[in-house]
Amino acid sequence: MIKLESIKEDIKKAALDARINLAPVEETSLENQLKDLLKQAAFLREQELDMVEPTFFPHNQQNTLREDNVLPSMPLDNALENAPEADDTFFLVPKIVE
């Protein structure tokens, strides 16, 4: 468990391990965010949550997925019309893997 007094050193060590340079403002921002997160975790640990049913969403959701309707595609000529480069059936793109 991370202790609140060692957060600044932990952030510096994590930044060193990740090979990133953090500005002092960024370190302070991360420190405050991590402290808030740890306070929220501590708050939840103190609560009686035995009777709370686990859920994925904080509120009930219904009909979150839309119907899977098959619709006609754009005609090939229209799709290729504004392509920078194309042949009769494909977009032509530069090769990026050698």
PDB file of N, CA and C in Angstrom:
ATOM      1  N   MET A   1       0.840  -1.189   0.000  1.00  0.00           N
ATOM      2  CA  MET A   1       0.000   0.000   0.000  1.00  0.00           C
ATOM      3  C   MET A   1       0.884   1.251   0.000  1.00  0.00           C
ATOM      4  N   ILE A   2       0.497   2.234  -0.771  1.00  0.00           N
ATOM      5  CA  ILE A   2       1.253   3.486  -0.858  1.00  0.00           C
ATOM      6  C   ILE A   2       0.861   4.374   0.319  1.00  0.00           C
ATOM      7  N   LYS A   3       1.866   4.931   0.978  1.00  0.00           N
ATOM      8  CA  LYS A   3       1.598   5.851   2.077  1.00  0.00           C
ATOM      9  C   LYS A   3       1.626   7.264   1.530  1.00  0.00           C
ATOM     10  N   LEU A   4       0.782   8.123   2.071  1.00  0.00           N
ATOM     11  CA  LEU A   4       0.666   9.484   1.569  1.00  0.00           C
ATOM     12  C   LEU A   4       1.982  10.251   1.643  1.00  0.00           C
ATOM     13  N   GLU A   5       2.826   9.928   2.634  1.00  0.00           N
ATOM     14  CA  GLU A   5       4.059  10.697   2.753  1.00  0.00           C
ATOM     15  C   GLU A   5       5.095  10.302   1.706  1.00  0.00           C
ATOM     16  N   SER A   6       4.979   9.116   1.093  1.00  0.00           N
ATOM     17  CA  SER A   6       5.986   8.678   0.126  1.00  0.00           C
ATOM     18  C   SER A   6       5.533   8.853  -1.331  1.00  0.00           C
ATOM     19  N   ILE A   7       4.418   9.518  -1.546  1.00  0.00           N
ATOM     20  CA  ILE A   7       3.874   9.646  -2.898  1.00  0.00           C
ATOM     21  C   ILE A   7       4.838  10.389  -3.827  1.00  0.00           C
ATOM     22  N   LYS A   8       5.412  11.470  -3.359  1.00  0.00           N
ATOM     23  CA  LYS A   8       6.306  12.274  -4.210  1.00  0.00           C
ATOM     24  C   LYS A   8       7.503  11.440  -4.675  1.00  0.00           C
ATOM     25  N   GLU A   9       8.102  10.660  -3.759  1.00  0.00           N
ATOM     26  CA  GLU A   9       9.232   9.816  -4.134  1.00  0.00           C
ATOM     27  C   GLU A   9       8.790   8.704  -5.082  1.00  0.00           C
ATOM     28  N   ASP A  10       7.592   8.149  -4.854  1.00  0.00           N
ATOM     29  CA  ASP A  10       7.083   7.095  -5.733  1.00  0.00           C
ATOM     30  C   ASP A  10       6.840   7.624  -7.145  1.00  0.00           C
ATOM     31  N   ILE A  11       6.345   8.836  -7.263  1.00  0.00           N
ATOM     32  CA  ILE A  11       6.106   9.443  -8.576  1.00  0.00           C
ATOM     33  C   ILE A  11       7.441   9.653  -9.297  1.00  0.00           C
ATOM     34  N   LYS A  12       8.441  10.144  -8.587  1.00  0.00           N
ATOM     35  CA  LYS A  12       9.757  10.358  -9.193  1.00  0.00           C
ATOM     36  C   LYS A  12      10.377   9.038  -9.643  1.00  0.00           C
ATOM     37  N   LYS A  13      10.231   7.984  -8.829  1.00  0.00           N
ATOM     38  CA  LYS A  13      10.780   6.676  -9.193  1.00  0.00           C
ATOM     39  C   LYS A  13      10.038   6.104 -10.403  1.00  0.00           C
ATOM     40  N   ALA A  14       8.707   6.241 -10.434  1.00  0.00           N
ATOM     41  CA  ALA A  14       7.928   5.741 -11.574  1.00  0.00           C
ATOM     42  C   ALA A  14       8.293   6.490 -12.850  1.00  0.00           C
ATOM     43  N   ALA A  15       8.507   7.780 -12.746  1.00  0.00           N
ATOM     44  CA  ALA A  15       8.904   8.572 -13.917  1.00  0.00           C
ATOM     45  C   ALA A  15      10.285   8.148 -14.403  1.00  0.00           C
ATOM     46  N   LEU A  16      11.190   7.887 -13.475  1.00  0.00           N
ATOM     47  CA  LEU A  16      12.528   7.424 -13.841  1.00  0.00           C
ATOM     48  C   LEU A  16      12.446   6.055 -14.515  1.00  0.00           C
ATOM     49  N   ASP A  17      11.649   5.135 -13.951  1.00  0.00           N
ATOM     50  CA  ASP A  17      11.482   3.801 -14.528  1.00  0.00           C
ATOM     51  C   ASP A  17      10.866   3.871 -15.922  1.00  0.00           C
ATOM     52  N   ALA A  18       9.932   4.810 -16.125  1.00  0.00           N
ATOM     53  CA  ALA A  18       9.273   4.962 -17.419  1.00  0.00           C
ATOM     54  C   ALA A  18      10.096   5.814 -18.383  1.00  0.00           C
ATOM     55  N   ARG A  19      11.204   6.331 -17.911  1.00  0.00           N
ATOM     56  CA  ARG A  19      12.094   7.182 -18.719  1.00  0.00           C
ATOM     57  C   ARG A  19      11.377   8.410 -19.266  1.00  0.00           C
ATOM     58  N   ILE A  20      10.619   9.059 -18.398  1.00  0.00           N
ATOM     59  CA  ILE A  20       9.972  10.310 -18.787  1.00  0.00           C
ATOM     60  C   ILE A  20      10.410  11.403 -17.830  1.00  0.00           C
ATOM     61  N   ASN A  21      10.475  12.610 -18.340  1.00  0.00           N
ATOM     62  CA  ASN A  21      10.811  13.766 -17.520  1.00  0.00           C
ATOM     63  C   ASN A  21       9.521  14.486 -17.171  1.00  0.00           C
ATOM     64  N   LEU A  22       9.312  14.684 -15.894  1.00  0.00           N
ATOM     65  CA  LEU A  22       8.125  15.408 -15.438  1.00  0.00           C
ATOM     66  C   LEU A  22       8.534  16.790 -14.949  1.00  0.00           C
ATOM     67  N   ALA A  23       7.779  17.776 -15.367  1.00  0.00           N
ATOM     68  CA  ALA A  23       7.981  19.126 -14.850  1.00  0.00           C
ATOM     69  C   ALA A  23       7.467  19.157 -13.413  1.00  0.00           C
ATOM     70  N   PRO A  24       7.965  20.071 -12.601  1.00  0.00           N
ATOM     71  CA  PRO A  24       7.480  20.167 -11.217  1.00  0.00           C
ATOM     72  C   PRO A  24       5.958  20.326 -11.133  1.00  0.00           C
ATOM     73  N   VAL A  25       5.388  21.043 -12.082  1.00  0.00           N
ATOM     74  CA  VAL A  25       3.928  21.219 -12.083  1.00  0.00           C
ATOM     75  C   VAL A  25       3.240  19.883 -12.309  1.00  0.00           C
ATOM     76  N   GLU A  26       3.805  19.070 -13.211  1.00  0.00           N
ATOM     77  CA  GLU A  26       3.221  17.758 -13.488  1.00  0.00           C
ATOM     78  C   GLU A  26       3.355  16.831 -12.277  1.00  0.00           C
ATOM     79  N   GLU A  27       4.497  16.892 -11.606  1.00  0.00           N
ATOM     80  CA  GLU A  27       4.679  16.081 -10.398  1.00  0.00           C
ATOM     81  C   GLU A  27       3.653  16.453  -9.338  1.00  0.00           C
ATOM     82  N   THR A  28       3.446  17.743  -9.143  1.00  0.00           N
ATOM     83  CA  THR A  28       2.476  18.205  -8.154  1.00  0.00           C
ATOM     84  C   THR A  28       1.073  17.769  -8.530  1.00  0.00           C
ATOM     85  N   SER A  29       0.731  17.878  -9.812  1.00  0.00           N
ATOM     86  CA  SER A  29      -0.595  17.475 -10.281  1.00  0.00           C
ATOM     87  C   SER A  29      -0.810  15.978 -10.058  1.00  0.00           C
ATOM     88  N   LEU A  30       0.189  15.162 -10.431  1.00  0.00           N
ATOM     89  CA  LEU A  30       0.076  13.722 -10.221  1.00  0.00           C
ATOM     90  C   LEU A  30      -0.013  13.374  -8.742  1.00  0.00           C
ATOM     91  N   GLU A  31       0.747  14.085  -7.928  1.00  0.00           N
ATOM     92  CA  GLU A  31       0.711  13.844  -6.487  1.00  0.00           C
ATOM     93  C   GLU A  31      -0.689  14.112  -5.937  1.00  0.00           C
ATOM     94  N   ASN A  32      -1.286  15.225  -6.340  1.00  0.00           N
ATOM     95  CA  ASN A  32      -2.639  15.559  -5.862  1.00  0.00           C
ATOM     96  C   ASN A  32      -3.669  14.539  -6.349  1.00  0.00           C
ATOM     97  N   GLN A  33      -3.548  14.121  -7.619  1.00  0.00           N
ATOM     98  CA  GLN A  33      -4.486  13.134  -8.156  1.00  0.00           C
ATOM     99  C   GLN A  33      -4.364  11.797  -7.423  1.00  0.00           C
ATOM    100  N   LEU A  34      -3.132  11.374  -7.166  1.00  0.00           N
ATOM    101  CA  LEU A  34      -2.920  10.108  -6.478  1.00  0.00           C
ATOM    102  C   LEU A  34      -3.411  10.175  -5.032  1.00  0.00           C
ATOM    103  N   LYS A  35      -3.194  11.298  -4.377  1.00  0.00           N
ATOM    104  CA  LYS A  35      -3.703  11.467  -3.004  1.00  0.00           C
ATOM    105  C   LYS A  35      -5.224  11.379  -2.983  1.00  0.00           C
ATOM    106  N   ASP A  36      -5.883  12.032  -3.950  1.00  0.00           N
ATOM    107  CA  ASP A  36      -7.346  11.966  -4.023  1.00  0.00           C
ATOM    108  C   ASP A  36      -7.824  10.533  -4.239  1.00  0.00           C
ATOM    109  N   LEU A  37      -7.140   9.816  -5.117  1.00  0.00           N
ATOM    110  CA  LEU A  37      -7.509   8.431  -5.399  1.00  0.00           C
ATOM    111  C   LEU A  37      -7.359   7.566  -4.150  1.00  0.00           C
ATOM    112  N   LEU A  38      -6.263   7.735  -3.423  1.00  0.00           N
ATOM    113  CA  LEU A  38      -6.042   6.960  -2.206  1.00  0.00           C
ATOM    114  C   LEU A  38      -7.049   7.320  -1.115  1.00  0.00           C
ATOM    115  N   LYS A  39      -7.441   8.583  -1.037  1.00  0.00           N
ATOM    116  CA  LYS A  39      -8.464   8.988  -0.070  1.00  0.00           C
ATOM    117  C   LYS A  39      -9.807   8.346  -0.395  1.00  0.00           C
ATOM    118  N   GLN A  40     -10.129   8.273  -1.697  1.00  0.00           N
ATOM    119  CA  GLN A  40     -11.380   7.624  -2.099  1.00  0.00           C
ATOM    120  C   GLN A  40     -11.356   6.136  -1.764  1.00  0.00           C
ATOM    121  N   ALA A  41     -10.215   5.489  -1.981  1.00  0.00           N
ATOM    122  CA  ALA A  41     -10.088   4.073  -1.652  1.00  0.00           C
ATOM    123  C   ALA A  41     -10.222   3.856  -0.150  1.00  0.00           C
ATOM    124  N   ALA A  42      -9.611   4.727   0.635  1.00  0.00           N
ATOM    125  CA  ALA A  42      -9.721   4.619   2.093  1.00  0.00           C
ATOM    126  C   ALA A  42     -11.159   4.817   2.545  1.00  0.00           C
ATOM    127  N   PHE A  43     -11.861   5.763   1.933  1.00  0.00           N
ATOM    128  CA  PHE A  43     -13.271   6.005   2.253  1.00  0.00           C
ATOM    129  C   PHE A  43     -14.097   4.747   1.971  1.00  0.00           C
ATOM    130  N   LEU A  44     -13.870   4.130   0.825  1.00  0.00           N
ATOM    131  CA  LEU A  44     -14.628   2.926   0.479  1.00  0.00           C
ATOM    132  C   LEU A  44     -14.313   1.777   1.428  1.00  0.00           C
ATOM    133  N   ARG A  45     -13.061   1.679   1.861  1.00  0.00           N
ATOM    134  CA  ARG A  45     -12.693   0.628   2.812  1.00  0.00           C
ATOM    135  C   ARG A  45     -13.435   0.783   4.138  1.00  0.00           C
ATOM    136  N   GLU A  46     -13.754   2.009   4.534  1.00  0.00           N
ATOM    137  CA  GLU A  46     -14.437   2.276   5.798  1.00  0.00           C
ATOM    138  C   GLU A  46     -15.941   2.001   5.741  1.00  0.00           C
ATOM    139  N   GLN A  47     -16.501   1.910   4.546  1.00  0.00           N
ATOM    140  CA  GLN A  47     -17.947   1.783   4.392  1.00  0.00           C
ATOM    141  C   GLN A  47     -18.402   0.336   4.541  1.00  0.00           C
ATOM    142  N   GLU A  48     -19.652   0.173   4.988  1.00  0.00           N
ATOM    143  CA  GLU A  48     -20.288  -1.136   5.063  1.00  0.00           C
ATOM    144  C   GLU A  48     -20.855  -1.462   3.688  1.00  0.00           C
ATOM    145  N   LEU A  49     -20.153  -2.277   2.928  1.00  0.00           N
ATOM    146  CA  LEU A  49     -20.566  -2.567   1.567  1.00  0.00           C
ATOM    147  C   LEU A  49     -20.984  -4.026   1.377  1.00  0.00           C
ATOM    148  N   ASP A  50     -21.191  -4.745   2.487  1.00  0.00           N
ATOM    149  CA  ASP A  50     -21.546  -6.155   2.392  1.00  0.00           C
ATOM    150  C   ASP A  50     -22.872  -6.373   1.674  1.00  0.00           C
ATOM    151  N   MET A  51     -23.815  -5.463   1.830  1.00  0.00           N
ATOM    152  CA  MET A  51     -25.139  -5.646   1.251  1.00  0.00           C
ATOM    153  C   MET A  51     -25.276  -4.977  -0.125  1.00  0.00           C
ATOM    154  N   VAL A  52     -24.215  -4.380  -0.619  1.00  0.00           N
ATOM    155  CA  VAL A  52     -24.269  -3.704  -1.914  1.00  0.00           C
ATOM    156  C   VAL A  52     -23.955  -4.720  -3.003  1.00  0.00           C
ATOM    157  N   GLU A  53     -24.873  -4.845  -3.957  1.00  0.00           N
ATOM    158  CA  GLU A  53     -24.680  -5.789  -5.048  1.00  0.00           C
ATOM    159  C   GLU A  53     -23.665  -5.220  -6.042  1.00  0.00           C
ATOM    160  N   PRO A  54     -22.669  -6.028  -6.424  1.00  0.00           N
ATOM    161  CA  PRO A  54     -21.678  -5.514  -7.382  1.00  0.00           C
ATOM    162  C   PRO A  54     -22.306  -5.296  -8.759  1.00  0.00           C
ATOM    163  N   THR A  55     -21.944  -4.200  -9.387  1.00  0.00           N
ATOM    164  CA  THR A  55     -22.457  -3.888 -10.719  1.00  0.00           C
ATOM    165  C   THR A  55     -21.333  -3.335 -11.576  1.00  0.00           C
ATOM    166  N   PHE A  56     -21.521  -3.423 -12.874  1.00  0.00           N
ATOM    167  CA  PHE A  56     -20.551  -2.856 -13.802  1.00  0.00           C
ATOM    168  C   PHE A  56     -20.827  -1.375 -13.988  1.00  0.00           C
ATOM    169  N   PHE A  57     -22.100  -0.985 -14.003  1.00  0.00           N
ATOM    170  CA  PHE A  57     -22.500   0.400 -14.188  1.00  0.00           C
ATOM    171  C   PHE A  57     -23.043   0.950 -12.871  1.00  0.00           C
ATOM    172  N   PRO A  58     -22.853   2.234 -12.593  1.00  0.00           N
ATOM    173  CA  PRO A  58     -23.350   2.795 -11.345  1.00  0.00           C
ATOM    174  C   PRO A  58     -24.878   2.921 -11.308  1.00  0.00           C
ATOM    175  N   HIS A  59     -25.522   2.792 -12.444  1.00  0.00           N
ATOM    176  CA  HIS A  59     -26.983   2.851 -12.486  1.00  0.00           C
ATOM    177  C   HIS A  59     -27.475   1.835 -13.508  1.00  0.00           C
ATOM    178  N   ASN A  60     -28.733   1.469 -13.388  1.00  0.00           N
ATOM    179  CA  ASN A  60     -29.289   0.479 -14.311  1.00  0.00           C
ATOM    180  C   ASN A  60     -29.345   1.033 -15.721  1.00  0.00           C
ATOM    181  N   GLN A  61     -28.965   0.208 -16.671  1.00  0.00           N
ATOM    182  CA  GLN A  61     -29.018   0.617 -18.066  1.00  0.00           C
ATOM    183  C   GLN A  61     -29.838  -0.410 -18.834  1.00  0.00           C
ATOM    184  N   GLN A  62     -30.618   0.091 -19.742  1.00  0.00           N
ATOM    185  CA  GLN A  62     -31.393  -0.790 -20.595  1.00  0.00           C
ATOM    186  C   GLN A  62     -31.267  -0.312 -22.032  1.00  0.00           C
ATOM    187  N   ASN A  63     -31.330  -1.248 -22.962  1.00  0.00           N
ATOM    188  CA  ASN A  63     -31.306  -0.935 -24.384  1.00  0.00           C
ATOM    189  C   ASN A  63     -30.104  -0.067 -24.763  1.00  0.00           C
ATOM    190  N   THR A  64     -28.933  -0.464 -24.292  1.00  0.00           N
ATOM    191  CA  THR A  64     -27.750   0.333 -24.604  1.00  0.00           C
ATOM    192  C   THR A  64     -27.171   0.008 -25.978  1.00  0.00           C
ATOM    193  N   LEU A  65     -27.597  -1.105 -26.558  1.00  0.00           N
ATOM    194  CA  LEU A  65     -27.094  -1.472 -27.879  1.00  0.00           C
ATOM    195  C   LEU A  65     -28.148  -1.154 -28.926  1.00  0.00           C
ATOM    196  N   ARG A  66     -27.726  -0.668 -30.060  1.00  0.00           N
ATOM    197  CA  ARG A  66     -28.667  -0.344 -31.120  1.00  0.00           C
ATOM    198  C   ARG A  66     -28.941  -1.583 -31.949  1.00  0.00           C
ATOM    199  N   GLU A  67     -29.981  -1.530 -32.729  1.00  0.00           N
ATOM    200  CA  GLU A  67     -30.310  -2.612 -33.644  1.00  0.00           C
ATOM    201  C   GLU A  67     -29.211  -2.760 -34.681  1.00  0.00           C
ATOM    202  N   ASP A  68     -28.937  -3.975 -35.103  1.00  0.00           N
ATOM    203  CA  ASP A  68     -27.951  -4.226 -36.141  1.00  0.00           C
ATOM    204  C   ASP A  68     -28.678  -4.278 -37.479  1.00  0.00           C
ATOM    205  N   ASN A  69     -28.804  -3.127 -38.110  1.00  0.00           N
ATOM    206  CA  ASN A  69     -29.518  -3.024 -39.373  1.00  0.00           C
ATOM    207  C   ASN A  69     -28.544  -3.017 -40.533  1.00  0.00           C
ATOM    208  N   VAL A  70     -28.813  -3.841 -41.521  1.00  0.00           N
ATOM    209  CA  VAL A  70     -27.982  -3.870 -42.721  1.00  0.00           C
ATOM    210  C   VAL A  70     -28.481  -2.784 -43.661  1.00  0.00           C
ATOM    211  N   LEU A  71     -27.573  -1.890 -44.052  1.00  0.00           N
ATOM    212  CA  LEU A  71     -27.906  -0.794 -44.949  1.00  0.00           C
ATOM    213  C   LEU A  71     -27.017  -0.867 -46.177  1.00  0.00           C
ATOM    214  N   PRO A  72     -27.448  -0.307 -47.284  1.00  0.00           N
ATOM    215  CA  PRO A  72     -26.597  -0.351 -48.477  1.00  0.00           C
ATOM    216  C   PRO A  72     -25.325   0.467 -48.279  1.00  0.00           C
ATOM    217  N   SER A  73     -24.246  -0.030 -48.873  1.00  0.00           N
ATOM    218  CA  SER A  73     -22.961   0.662 -48.794  1.00  0.00           C
ATOM    219  C   SER A  73     -22.901   1.785 -49.816  1.00  0.00           C
ATOM    220  N   MET A  74     -21.908   2.661 -49.636  1.00  0.00           N
ATOM    221  CA  MET A  74     -21.669   3.728 -50.595  1.00  0.00           C
ATOM    222  C   MET A  74     -21.160   3.096 -51.894  1.00  0.00           C
ATOM    223  N   PRO A  75     -21.606   3.567 -53.017  1.00  0.00           N
ATOM    224  CA  PRO A  75     -21.095   3.028 -54.280  1.00  0.00           C
ATOM    225  C   PRO A  75     -19.574   3.216 -54.378  1.00  0.00           C
ATOM    226  N   LEU A  76     -18.905   2.248 -54.965  1.00  0.00           N
ATOM    227  CA  LEU A  76     -17.452   2.249 -55.054  1.00  0.00           C
ATOM    228  C   LEU A  76     -16.914   3.503 -55.729  1.00  0.00           C
ATOM    229  N   ASP A  77     -17.556   3.946 -56.780  1.00  0.00           N
ATOM    230  CA  ASP A  77     -17.102   5.152 -57.493  1.00  0.00           C
ATOM    231  C   ASP A  77     -17.124   6.368 -56.580  1.00  0.00           C
ATOM    232  N   ASN A  78     -18.170   6.504 -55.765  1.00  0.00           N
ATOM    233  CA  ASN A  78     -18.263   7.635 -54.832  1.00  0.00           C
ATOM    234  C   ASN A  78     -17.192   7.548 -53.756  1.00  0.00           C
ATOM    235  N   ALA A  79     -16.919   6.332 -53.264  1.00  0.00           N
ATOM    236  CA  ALA A  79     -15.922   6.160 -52.208  1.00  0.00           C
ATOM    237  C   ALA A  79     -14.530   6.540 -52.704  1.00  0.00           C
ATOM    238  N   LEU A  80     -14.209   6.178 -53.940  1.00  0.00           N
ATOM    239  CA  LEU A  80     -12.867   6.433 -54.472  1.00  0.00           C
ATOM    240  C   LEU A  80     -12.716   7.814 -55.087  1.00  0.00           C
ATOM    241  N   GLU A  81     -13.806   8.546 -55.196  1.00  0.00           N
ATOM    242  CA  GLU A  81     -13.824   9.835 -55.887  1.00  0.00           C
ATOM    243  C   GLU A  81     -12.822  10.845 -55.323  1.00  0.00           C
ATOM    244  N   ASN A  82     -12.748  10.960 -53.994  1.00  0.00           N
ATOM    245  CA  ASN A  82     -11.876  11.967 -53.371  1.00  0.00           C
ATOM    246  C   ASN A  82     -10.575  11.388 -52.832  1.00  0.00           C
ATOM    247  N   ALA A  83     -10.276  10.147 -53.165  1.00  0.00           N
ATOM    248  CA  ALA A  83      -9.035   9.537 -52.692  1.00  0.00           C
ATOM    249  C   ALA A  83      -7.844  10.200 -53.363  1.00  0.00           C
ATOM    250  N   PRO A  84      -6.753  10.457 -52.623  1.00  0.00           N
ATOM    251  CA  PRO A  84      -5.565  11.046 -53.243  1.00  0.00           C
ATOM    252  C   PRO A  84      -5.027  10.163 -54.367  1.00  0.00           C
ATOM    253  N   GLU A  85      -5.020   8.832 -54.122  1.00  0.00           N
ATOM    254  CA  GLU A  85      -4.599   7.886 -55.155  1.00  0.00           C
ATOM    255  C   GLU A  85      -5.485   6.662 -55.050  1.00  0.00           C
ATOM    256  N   ALA A  86      -5.905   6.140 -56.198  1.00  0.00           N
ATOM    257  CA  ALA A  86      -6.735   4.949 -56.208  1.00  0.00           C
ATOM    258  C   ALA A  86      -6.600   4.263 -57.547  1.00  0.00           C
ATOM    259  N   ASP A  87      -6.845   2.940 -57.538  1.00  0.00           N
ATOM    260  CA  ASP A  87      -6.972   2.260 -58.825  1.00  0.00           C
ATOM    261  C   ASP A  87      -8.466   1.966 -59.000  1.00  0.00           C
ATOM    262  N   ASP A  88      -8.828   1.001 -59.767  1.00  0.00           N
ATOM    263  CA  ASP A  88     -10.248   0.784 -60.053  1.00  0.00           C
ATOM    264  C   ASP A  88     -11.055   0.331 -58.840  1.00  0.00           C
ATOM    265  N   THR A  89     -10.412  -0.330 -57.867  1.00  0.00           N
ATOM    266  CA  THR A  89     -11.177  -0.887 -56.744  1.00  0.00           C
ATOM    267  C   THR A  89     -10.601  -0.588 -55.370  1.00  0.00           C
ATOM    268  N   PHE A  90      -9.399  -0.019 -55.260  1.00  0.00           N
ATOM    269  CA  PHE A  90      -8.756   0.158 -53.958  1.00  0.00           C
ATOM    270  C   PHE A  90      -8.204   1.560 -53.781  1.00  0.00           C
ATOM    271  N   PHE A  91      -8.117   1.983 -52.497  1.00  0.00           N
ATOM    272  CA  PHE A  91      -7.341   3.166 -52.149  1.00  0.00           C
ATOM    273  C   PHE A  91      -5.877   2.763 -52.226  1.00  0.00           C
ATOM    274  N   LEU A  92      -5.029   3.609 -52.759  1.00  0.00           N
ATOM    275  CA  LEU A  92      -3.592   3.346 -52.780  1.00  0.00           C
ATOM    276  C   LEU A  92      -2.944   4.170 -51.678  1.00  0.00           C
ATOM    277  N   VAL A  93      -2.198   3.483 -50.814  1.00  0.00           N
ATOM    278  CA  VAL A  93      -1.552   4.157 -49.685  1.00  0.00           C
ATOM    279  C   VAL A  93      -0.066   3.831 -49.717  1.00  0.00           C
ATOM    280  N   PRO A  94       0.774   4.702 -49.143  1.00  0.00           N
ATOM    281  CA  PRO A  94       2.218   4.425 -49.140  1.00  0.00           C
ATOM    282  C   PRO A  94       2.527   3.201 -48.272  1.00  0.00           C
ATOM    283  N   LYS A  95       3.504   2.441 -48.684  1.00  0.00           N
ATOM    284  CA  LYS A  95       3.957   1.277 -47.927  1.00  0.00           C
ATOM    285  C   LYS A  95       4.697   1.761 -46.679  1.00  0.00           C
ATOM    286  N   ILE A  96       4.344   1.238 -45.509  1.00  0.00           N
ATOM    287  CA  ILE A  96       5.019   1.685 -44.290  1.00  0.00           C
ATOM    288  C   ILE A  96       5.844   0.591 -43.648  1.00  0.00           C
ATOM    289  N   VAL A  97       5.712  -0.648 -44.126  1.00  0.00           N
ATOM    290  CA  VAL A  97       6.492  -1.752 -43.577  1.00  0.00           C
ATOM    291  C   VAL A  97       7.420  -2.249 -44.674  1.00  0.00           C
ATOM    292  N   GLU A  98       8.676  -2.388 -44.331  1.00  0.00           N
ATOM    293  CA  GLU A  98       9.638  -2.877 -45.336  1.00  0.00           C
ATOM    294  C   GLU A  98       9.964  -4.324 -45.083  1.00  0.00           C
TER     295      GLU A  98
END
